[in-house]
Structure formats: structure tokens, C-alpha cells
């Protein structure tokens, strides 16, 4: 699942993801917030907050991370070239 944050606060996007994760039992998808390159540090700071670490890392096998717009473009290009392991 991707939450794209361009014009709104990263924190509010993470909160929407946390609400979704809390409301769906046995959620089995990886969660990413997508941010402009100049907001990557902010995303990383928010993701390291204890409230997001605890809520979003249950169950333990779910990935909670961020990607920059440039990384998503690269991932898209990789997937178009047949690379199926582009999120690792």
C-alpha cells in the first residue's frame, strides 16, 4: 500500500496508514509513504517515532517504510523491464 504525500503533511499520511492498518485485521501488505526527495528526512523522522513503530510493525512481517518520488520512478522502470524484485 502506498500513501503519496506531496502537498499535505507526512504525519497525516502516516496517521491515515496507521488507522487503516489498525482497522484491517491480519493486514498482510507492506506500507510505504511516498514523498518528494526534499522531504525524505522528515518521513524518516516520523517513521522512527515510537507510536508508528509500535502500531505499524504489528504483525512483524509487514514492512513500513518510505520511498522518494525518484525511487518510485526507478521501481516503475525496473518493473517495466521485467524485474519482479524491485521493492527489496
PDB file of N, CA and C in Angstrom:
ATOM      1  N   UNK A   1       0.846  -1.152   0.000  1.00  0.00           N
ATOM      2  CA  UNK A   1       0.000   0.000   0.000  1.00  0.00           C
ATOM      3  C   UNK A   1       0.898   1.222   0.000  1.00  0.00           C
ATOM      4  N   UNK A   2       0.525   2.196  -0.808  1.00  0.00           N
ATOM      5  CA  UNK A   2       1.302   3.427  -0.905  1.00  0.00           C
ATOM      6  C   UNK A   2       0.438   4.618  -0.509  1.00  0.00           C
ATOM      7  N   UNK A   3       0.972   5.473   0.334  1.00  0.00           N
ATOM      8  CA  UNK A   3       0.355   6.747   0.684  1.00  0.00           C
ATOM      9  C   UNK A   3       1.259   7.811   0.081  1.00  0.00           C
ATOM     10  N   UNK A   4       0.754   8.554  -0.888  1.00  0.00           N
ATOM     11  CA  UNK A   4       1.563   9.554  -1.584  1.00  0.00           C
ATOM     12  C   UNK A   4       1.334  10.912  -0.932  1.00  0.00           C
ATOM     13  N   UNK A   5       2.428  11.510  -0.485  1.00  0.00           N
ATOM     14  CA  UNK A   5       2.366  12.816   0.171  1.00  0.00           C
ATOM     15  C   UNK A   5       3.162  13.815  -0.652  1.00  0.00           C
ATOM     16  N   UNK A   6       2.443  14.751  -1.229  1.00  0.00           N
ATOM     17  CA  UNK A   6       3.113  15.796  -1.986  1.00  0.00           C
ATOM     18  C   UNK A   6       2.795  17.169  -1.401  1.00  0.00           C
ATOM     19  N   UNK A   7       1.519  17.429  -1.165  1.00  0.00           N
ATOM     20  CA  UNK A   7       1.127  18.758  -0.699  1.00  0.00           C
ATOM     21  C   UNK A   7       0.603  18.764   0.730  1.00  0.00           C
ATOM     22  N   UNK A   8       0.396  17.601   1.322  1.00  0.00           N
ATOM     23  CA  UNK A   8      -0.097  17.550   2.695  1.00  0.00           C
ATOM     24  C   UNK A   8       1.024  17.093   3.626  1.00  0.00           C
ATOM     25  N   UNK A   9       0.765  17.151   4.904  1.00  0.00           N
ATOM     26  CA  UNK A   9       1.763  16.780   5.905  1.00  0.00           C
ATOM     27  C   UNK A   9       2.034  15.274   5.890  1.00  0.00           C
ATOM     28  N   UNK A  10       3.284  14.897   5.973  1.00  0.00           N
ATOM     29  CA  UNK A  10       3.674  13.493   6.010  1.00  0.00           C
ATOM     30  C   UNK A  10       3.048  12.805   7.216  1.00  0.00           C
ATOM     31  N   UNK A  11       3.021  13.499   8.330  1.00  0.00           N
ATOM     32  CA  UNK A  11       2.458  12.934   9.545  1.00  0.00           C
ATOM     33  C   UNK A  11       1.003  12.515   9.336  1.00  0.00           C
ATOM     34  N   UNK A  12       0.219  13.335   8.645  1.00  0.00           N
ATOM     35  CA  UNK A  12      -1.189  12.995   8.431  1.00  0.00           C
ATOM     36  C   UNK A  12      -1.323  11.771   7.516  1.00  0.00           C
ATOM     37  N   UNK A  13      -0.443  11.628   6.550  1.00  0.00           N
ATOM     38  CA  UNK A  13      -0.460  10.443   5.698  1.00  0.00           C
ATOM     39  C   UNK A  13      -0.109   9.188   6.472  1.00  0.00           C
ATOM     40  N   UNK A  14       0.875   9.290   7.349  1.00  0.00           N
ATOM     41  CA  UNK A  14       1.237   8.149   8.181  1.00  0.00           C
ATOM     42  C   UNK A  14       0.109   7.795   9.140  1.00  0.00           C
ATOM     43  N   UNK A  15      -0.562   8.803   9.641  1.00  0.00           N
ATOM     44  CA  UNK A  15      -1.690   8.550  10.531  1.00  0.00           C
ATOM     45  C   UNK A  15      -2.822   7.832   9.789  1.00  0.00           C
ATOM     46  N   UNK A  16      -3.081   8.214   8.526  1.00  0.00           N
ATOM     47  CA  UNK A  16      -4.087   7.508   7.724  1.00  0.00           C
ATOM     48  C   UNK A  16      -3.688   6.049   7.527  1.00  0.00           C
ATOM     49  N   UNK A  17      -2.406   5.801   7.261  1.00  0.00           N
ATOM     50  CA  UNK A  17      -1.935   4.420   7.115  1.00  0.00           C
ATOM     51  C   UNK A  17      -2.099   3.657   8.419  1.00  0.00           C
ATOM     52  N   UNK A  18      -1.767   4.294   9.534  1.00  0.00           N
ATOM     53  CA  UNK A  18      -1.892   3.641  10.834  1.00  0.00           C
ATOM     54  C   UNK A  18      -3.349   3.314  11.133  1.00  0.00           C
ATOM     55  N   UNK A  19      -4.244   4.240  10.825  1.00  0.00           N
ATOM     56  CA  UNK A  19      -5.678   3.985  11.020  1.00  0.00           C
ATOM     57  C   UNK A  19      -6.133   2.804  10.177  1.00  0.00           C
ATOM     58  N   UNK A  20      -5.691   2.769   8.934  1.00  0.00           N
ATOM     59  CA  UNK A  20      -6.059   1.664   8.052  1.00  0.00           C
ATOM     60  C   UNK A  20      -5.521   0.341   8.588  1.00  0.00           C
ATOM     61  N   UNK A  21      -4.249   0.330   8.973  1.00  0.00           N
ATOM     62  CA  UNK A  21      -3.630  -0.893   9.482  1.00  0.00           C
ATOM     63  C   UNK A  21      -4.341  -1.369  10.747  1.00  0.00           C
ATOM     64  N   UNK A  22      -4.758  -0.445  11.596  1.00  0.00           N
ATOM     65  CA  UNK A  22      -5.435  -0.806  12.839  1.00  0.00           C
ATOM     66  C   UNK A  22      -6.856  -1.309  12.594  1.00  0.00           C
ATOM     67  N   UNK A  23      -7.465  -0.890  11.496  1.00  0.00           N
ATOM     68  CA  UNK A  23      -8.856  -1.258  11.239  1.00  0.00           C
ATOM     69  C   UNK A  23      -9.015  -2.521  10.396  1.00  0.00           C
ATOM     70  N   UNK A  24      -7.925  -3.034   9.835  1.00  0.00           N
ATOM     71  CA  UNK A  24      -7.986  -4.235   8.999  1.00  0.00           C
ATOM     72  C   UNK A  24      -7.267  -5.370   9.723  1.00  0.00           C
ATOM     73  N   UNK A  25      -8.023  -6.312  10.259  1.00  0.00           N
ATOM     74  CA  UNK A  25      -7.381  -7.431  10.966  1.00  0.00           C
ATOM     75  C   UNK A  25      -6.505  -8.257  10.021  1.00  0.00           C
ATOM     76  N   UNK A  26      -5.379  -8.708  10.528  1.00  0.00           N
ATOM     77  CA  UNK A  26      -4.466  -9.572   9.774  1.00  0.00           C
ATOM     78  C   UNK A  26      -4.003  -8.953   8.464  1.00  0.00           C
ATOM     79  N   UNK A  27      -3.757  -7.668   8.472  1.00  0.00           N
ATOM     80  CA  UNK A  27      -3.270  -6.967   7.279  1.00  0.00           C
ATOM     81  C   UNK A  27      -1.944  -7.578   6.846  1.00  0.00           C
ATOM     82  N   UNK A  28      -1.844  -7.953   5.580  1.00  0.00           N
ATOM     83  CA  UNK A  28      -0.658  -8.642   5.087  1.00  0.00           C
ATOM     84  C   UNK A  28      -0.039  -7.911   3.892  1.00  0.00           C
ATOM     85  N   UNK A  29       0.039  -6.585   3.958  1.00  0.00           N
ATOM     86  CA  UNK A  29       0.649  -5.826   2.878  1.00  0.00           C
ATOM     87  C   UNK A  29       1.745  -4.939   3.445  1.00  0.00           C
ATOM     88  N   UNK A  30       2.710  -4.621   2.613  1.00  0.00           N
ATOM     89  CA  UNK A  30       3.744  -3.668   3.002  1.00  0.00           C
ATOM     90  C   UNK A  30       3.187  -2.260   2.837  1.00  0.00           C
ATOM     91  N   UNK A  31       3.619  -1.361   3.709  1.00  0.00           N
ATOM     92  CA  UNK A  31       3.117   0.013   3.717  1.00  0.00           C
ATOM     93  C   UNK A  31       4.264   0.974   3.421  1.00  0.00           C
ATOM     94  N   UNK A  32       4.030   1.873   2.478  1.00  0.00           N
ATOM     95  CA  UNK A  32       5.044   2.871   2.114  1.00  0.00           C
ATOM     96  C   UNK A  32       4.396   4.239   2.022  1.00  0.00           C
ATOM     97  N   UNK A  33       5.072   5.246   2.536  1.00  0.00           N
ATOM     98  CA  UNK A  33       4.683   6.622   2.280  1.00  0.00           C
ATOM     99  C   UNK A  33       5.661   7.116   1.210  1.00  0.00           C
ATOM    100  N   UNK A  34       5.132   7.761   0.171  1.00  0.00           N
ATOM    101  CA  UNK A  34       5.941   8.240  -0.946  1.00  0.00           C
ATOM    102  C   UNK A  34       6.037   9.754  -0.821  1.00  0.00           C
ATOM    103  N   UNK A  35       7.266  10.253  -0.814  1.00  0.00           N
ATOM    104  CA  UNK A  35       7.497  11.671  -0.551  1.00  0.00           C
ATOM    105  C   UNK A  35       8.476  12.263  -1.562  1.00  0.00           C
ATOM    106  N   UNK A  36       8.417  13.586  -1.760  1.00  0.00           N
ATOM    107  CA  UNK A  36       9.439  14.235  -2.581  1.00  0.00           C
ATOM    108  C   UNK A  36      10.817  14.059  -1.927  1.00  0.00           C
ATOM    109  N   UNK A  37      11.849  14.110  -2.718  1.00  0.00           N
ATOM    110  CA  UNK A  37      13.206  13.901  -2.221  1.00  0.00           C
ATOM    111  C   UNK A  37      13.550  14.845  -1.071  1.00  0.00           C
ATOM    112  N   UNK A  38      13.081  16.079  -1.157  1.00  0.00           N
ATOM    113  CA  UNK A  38      13.433  17.064  -0.129  1.00  0.00           C
ATOM    114  C   UNK A  38      12.664  16.858   1.185  1.00  0.00           C
ATOM    115  N   UNK A  39      11.766  15.875   1.243  1.00  0.00           N
ATOM    116  CA  UNK A  39      11.017  15.589   2.472  1.00  0.00           C
ATOM    117  C   UNK A  39      11.332  14.195   3.028  1.00  0.00           C
ATOM    118  N   UNK A  40      12.332  13.542   2.461  1.00  0.00           N
ATOM    119  CA  UNK A  40      12.686  12.182   2.889  1.00  0.00           C
ATOM    120  C   UNK A  40      13.134  12.145   4.349  1.00  0.00           C
ATOM    121  N   UNK A  41      13.914  13.118   4.771  1.00  0.00           N
ATOM    122  CA  UNK A  41      14.388  13.148   6.157  1.00  0.00           C
ATOM    123  C   UNK A  41      13.212  13.281   7.132  1.00  0.00           C
ATOM    124  N   UNK A  42      12.236  14.088   6.771  1.00  0.00           N
ATOM    125  CA  UNK A  42      11.046  14.237   7.613  1.00  0.00           C
ATOM    126  C   UNK A  42      10.298  12.922   7.722  1.00  0.00           C
ATOM    127  N   UNK A  43      10.140  12.217   6.614  1.00  0.00           N
ATOM    128  CA  UNK A  43       9.454  10.924   6.627  1.00  0.00           C
ATOM    129  C   UNK A  43      10.194   9.946   7.533  1.00  0.00           C
ATOM    130  N   UNK A  44      11.501   9.918   7.414  1.00  0.00           N
ATOM    131  CA  UNK A  44      12.303   9.012   8.236  1.00  0.00           C
ATOM    132  C   UNK A  44      12.158   9.347   9.726  1.00  0.00           C
ATOM    133  N   UNK A  45      12.141  10.632  10.049  1.00  0.00           N
ATOM    134  CA  UNK A  45      11.979  11.029  11.452  1.00  0.00           C
ATOM    135  C   UNK A  45      10.620  10.587  11.998  1.00  0.00           C
ATOM    136  N   UNK A  46       9.564  10.798  11.221  1.00  0.00           N
ATOM    137  CA  UNK A  46       8.237  10.394  11.672  1.00  0.00           C
ATOM    138  C   UNK A  46       8.126   8.884  11.820  1.00  0.00           C
ATOM    139  N   UNK A  47       8.676   8.137  10.875  1.00  0.00           N
ATOM    140  CA  UNK A  47       8.602   6.679  10.944  1.00  0.00           C
ATOM    141  C   UNK A  47       9.354   6.114  12.136  1.00  0.00           C
ATOM    142  N   UNK A  48      10.322   6.857  12.651  1.00  0.00           N
ATOM    143  CA  UNK A  48      11.086   6.366  13.797  1.00  0.00           C
ATOM    144  C   UNK A  48      10.410   6.683  15.132  1.00  0.00           C
ATOM    145  N   UNK A  49       9.301   7.423  15.089  1.00  0.00           N
ATOM    146  CA  UNK A  49       8.587   7.739  16.330  1.00  0.00           C
ATOM    147  C   UNK A  49       8.019   6.448  16.938  1.00  0.00           C
ATOM    148  N   UNK A  50       8.062   6.339  18.253  1.00  0.00           N
ATOM    149  CA  UNK A  50       7.587   5.108  18.908  1.00  0.00           C
ATOM    150  C   UNK A  50       6.143   4.747  18.560  1.00  0.00           C
ATOM    151  N   UNK A  51       5.270   5.728  18.417  1.00  0.00           N
ATOM    152  CA  UNK A  51       3.866   5.409  18.129  1.00  0.00           C
ATOM    153  C   UNK A  51       3.717   4.699  16.788  1.00  0.00           C
ATOM    154  N   UNK A  52       4.456   5.121  15.768  1.00  0.00           N
ATOM    155  CA  UNK A  52       4.374   4.454  14.472  1.00  0.00           C
ATOM    156  C   UNK A  52       5.113   3.132  14.492  1.00  0.00           C
ATOM    157  N   UNK A  53       6.232   3.072  15.171  1.00  0.00           N
ATOM    158  CA  UNK A  53       6.974   1.816  15.257  1.00  0.00           C
ATOM    159  C   UNK A  53       6.118   0.726  15.874  1.00  0.00           C
ATOM    160  N   UNK A  54       5.440   1.020  16.958  1.00  0.00           N
ATOM    161  CA  UNK A  54       4.640   0.009  17.641  1.00  0.00           C
ATOM    162  C   UNK A  54       3.395  -0.357  16.851  1.00  0.00           C
ATOM    163  N   UNK A  55       2.643   0.624  16.394  1.00  0.00           N
ATOM    164  CA  UNK A  55       1.380   0.354  15.723  1.00  0.00           C
ATOM    165  C   UNK A  55       1.578  -0.278  14.354  1.00  0.00           C
ATOM    166  N   UNK A  56       2.509   0.239  13.586  1.00  0.00           N
ATOM    167  CA  UNK A  56       2.646  -0.216  12.205  1.00  0.00           C
ATOM    168  C   UNK A  56       3.521  -1.451  12.046  1.00  0.00           C
ATOM    169  N   UNK A  57       4.206  -1.864  13.069  1.00  0.00           N
ATOM    170  CA  UNK A  57       5.048  -3.050  12.927  1.00  0.00           C
ATOM    171  C   UNK A  57       4.398  -4.294  13.524  1.00  0.00           C
ATOM    172  N   UNK A  58       3.109  -4.295  13.574  1.00  0.00           N
ATOM    173  CA  UNK A  58       2.378  -5.487  14.003  1.00  0.00           C
ATOM    174  C   UNK A  58       1.473  -5.911  12.866  1.00  0.00           C
ATOM    175  N   UNK A  59       1.537  -7.068  12.329  1.00  0.00           N
ATOM    176  CA  UNK A  59       2.493  -8.117  12.668  1.00  0.00           C
ATOM    177  C   UNK A  59       3.893  -7.785  12.159  1.00  0.00           C
ATOM    178  N   UNK A  60       4.865  -8.482  12.666  1.00  0.00           N
ATOM    179  CA  UNK A  60       6.268  -8.161  12.415  1.00  0.00           C
ATOM    180  C   UNK A  60       6.688  -8.304  10.955  1.00  0.00           C
ATOM    181  N   UNK A  61       5.976  -9.083  10.169  1.00  0.00           N
ATOM    182  CA  UNK A  61       6.415  -9.333   8.796  1.00  0.00           C
ATOM    183  C   UNK A  61       6.009  -8.215   7.827  1.00  0.00           C
ATOM    184  N   UNK A  62       5.284  -7.199   8.294  1.00  0.00           N
ATOM    185  CA  UNK A  62       4.886  -6.097   7.423  1.00  0.00           C
ATOM    186  C   UNK A  62       5.997  -5.053   7.382  1.00  0.00           C
ATOM    187  N   UNK A  63       6.328  -4.587   6.202  1.00  0.00           N
ATOM    188  CA  UNK A  63       7.309  -3.523   6.031  1.00  0.00           C
ATOM    189  C   UNK A  63       6.598  -2.184   6.122  1.00  0.00           C
ATOM    190  N   UNK A  64       7.158  -1.273   6.885  1.00  0.00           N
ATOM    191  CA  UNK A  64       6.672   0.102   6.946  1.00  0.00           C
ATOM    192  C   UNK A  64       7.882   0.974   6.647  1.00  0.00           C
ATOM    193  N   UNK A  65       7.815   1.699   5.535  1.00  0.00           N
ATOM    194  CA  UNK A  65       8.986   2.458   5.099  1.00  0.00           C
ATOM    195  C   UNK A  65       8.534   3.617   4.225  1.00  0.00           C
ATOM    196  N   UNK A  66       9.477   4.361   3.706  1.00  0.00           N
ATOM    197  CA  UNK A  66       9.164   5.433   2.769  1.00  0.00           C
ATOM    198  C   UNK A  66       9.962   5.236   1.491  1.00  0.00           C
ATOM    199  N   UNK A  67       9.461   5.804   0.433  1.00  0.00           N
ATOM    200  CA  UNK A  67      10.155   5.854  -0.854  1.00  0.00           C
ATOM    201  C   UNK A  67      10.058   7.289  -1.363  1.00  0.00           C
ATOM    202  N   UNK A  68      11.083   7.738  -2.044  1.00  0.00           N
ATOM    203  CA  UNK A  68      11.020   9.058  -2.669  1.00  0.00           C
ATOM    204  C   UNK A  68      10.392   8.920  -4.052  1.00  0.00           C
ATOM    205  N   UNK A  69       9.947  10.036  -4.596  1.00  0.00           N
ATOM    206  CA  UNK A  69       9.372  10.013  -5.937  1.00  0.00           C
ATOM    207  C   UNK A  69      10.369   9.421  -6.935  1.00  0.00           C
ATOM    208  N   UNK A  70      11.652   9.774  -6.796  1.00  0.00           N
ATOM    209  CA  UNK A  70      12.677   9.252  -7.715  1.00  0.00           C
ATOM    210  C   UNK A  70      12.789   7.733  -7.595  1.00  0.00           C
ATOM    211  N   UNK A  71      12.709   7.219  -6.364  1.00  0.00           N
ATOM    212  CA  UNK A  71      12.774   5.767  -6.182  1.00  0.00           C
ATOM    213  C   UNK A  71      11.577   5.078  -6.817  1.00  0.00           C
ATOM    214  N   UNK A  72      10.396   5.677  -6.706  1.00  0.00           N
ATOM    215  CA  UNK A  72       9.205   5.082  -7.311  1.00  0.00           C
ATOM    216  C   UNK A  72       9.347   5.078  -8.832  1.00  0.00           C
ATOM    217  N   UNK A  73       9.902   6.154  -9.381  1.00  0.00           N
ATOM    218  CA  UNK A  73      10.140   6.173 -10.839  1.00  0.00           C
ATOM    219  C   UNK A  73      11.089   5.046 -11.240  1.00  0.00           C
ATOM    220  N   UNK A  74      12.161   4.866 -10.456  1.00  0.00           N
ATOM    221  CA  UNK A  74      13.123   3.792 -10.744  1.00  0.00           C
ATOM    222  C   UNK A  74      12.450   2.431 -10.618  1.00  0.00           C
ATOM    223  N   UNK A  75      11.626   2.257  -9.584  1.00  0.00           N
ATOM    224  CA  UNK A  75      10.924   0.988  -9.392  1.00  0.00           C
ATOM    225  C   UNK A  75       9.983   0.709 -10.550  1.00  0.00           C
ATOM    226  N   UNK A  76       9.312   1.743 -11.020  1.00  0.00           N
ATOM    227  CA  UNK A  76       8.414   1.592 -12.171  1.00  0.00           C
ATOM    228  C   UNK A  76       9.200   1.161 -13.396  1.00  0.00           C
ATOM    229  N   UNK A  77      10.313   1.843 -13.645  1.00  0.00           N
ATOM    230  CA  UNK A  77      11.141   1.486 -14.802  1.00  0.00           C
ATOM    231  C   UNK A  77      11.644   0.057 -14.702  1.00  0.00           C
ATOM    232  N   UNK A  78      12.044  -0.367 -13.493  1.00  0.00           N
ATOM    233  CA  UNK A  78      12.517  -1.739 -13.293  1.00  0.00           C
ATOM    234  C   UNK A  78      11.412  -2.747 -13.564  1.00  0.00           C
ATOM    235  N   UNK A  79      10.206  -2.424 -13.108  1.00  0.00           N
ATOM    236  CA  UNK A  79       9.103  -3.365 -13.313  1.00  0.00           C
ATOM    237  C   UNK A  79       8.748  -3.475 -14.789  1.00  0.00           C
ATOM    238  N   UNK A  80       8.895  -2.386 -15.519  1.00  0.00           N
ATOM    239  CA  UNK A  80       8.615  -2.421 -16.965  1.00  0.00           C
ATOM    240  C   UNK A  80       9.650  -3.253 -17.702  1.00  0.00           C
ATOM    241  N   UNK A  81      10.824  -3.388 -17.099  1.00  0.00           N
ATOM    242  CA  UNK A  81      11.887  -4.183 -17.718  1.00  0.00           C
ATOM    243  C   UNK A  81      11.838  -5.640 -17.275  1.00  0.00           C
ATOM    244  N   UNK A  82      10.829  -6.001 -16.491  1.00  0.00           N
ATOM    245  CA  UNK A  82      10.674  -7.388 -16.068  1.00  0.00           C
ATOM    246  C   UNK A  82      11.309  -7.733 -14.745  1.00  0.00           C
ATOM    247  N   UNK A  83      11.855  -6.761 -14.033  1.00  0.00           N
ATOM    248  CA  UNK A  83      12.456  -7.009 -12.721  1.00  0.00           C
ATOM    249  C   UNK A  83      11.330  -7.145 -11.708  1.00  0.00           C
ATOM    250  N   UNK A  84      11.123  -8.353 -11.189  1.00  0.00           N
ATOM    251  CA  UNK A  84       9.999  -8.603 -10.276  1.00  0.00           C
ATOM    252  C   UNK A  84      10.374  -8.414  -8.813  1.00  0.00           C
ATOM    253  N   UNK A  85      11.617  -8.151  -8.516  1.00  0.00           N
ATOM    254  CA  UNK A  85      12.062  -7.995  -7.127  1.00  0.00           C
ATOM    255  C   UNK A  85      12.418  -6.542  -6.846  1.00  0.00           C
ATOM    256  N   UNK A  86      11.631  -5.623  -7.393  1.00  0.00           N
ATOM    257  CA  UNK A  86      12.023  -4.217  -7.365  1.00  0.00           C
ATOM    258  C   UNK A  86      11.735  -3.496  -6.058  1.00  0.00           C
ATOM    259  N   UNK A  87      11.030  -4.068  -5.104  1.00  0.00           N
ATOM    260  CA  UNK A  87      10.786  -3.386  -3.835  1.00  0.00           C
ATOM    261  C   UNK A  87      11.772  -3.804  -2.742  1.00  0.00           C
ATOM    262  N   UNK A  88      12.631  -4.697  -3.000  1.00  0.00           N
ATOM    263  CA  UNK A  88      13.579  -5.168  -1.970  1.00  0.00           C
ATOM    264  C   UNK A  88      14.804  -4.313  -1.947  1.00  0.00           C
TER     265      UNK A  88
END
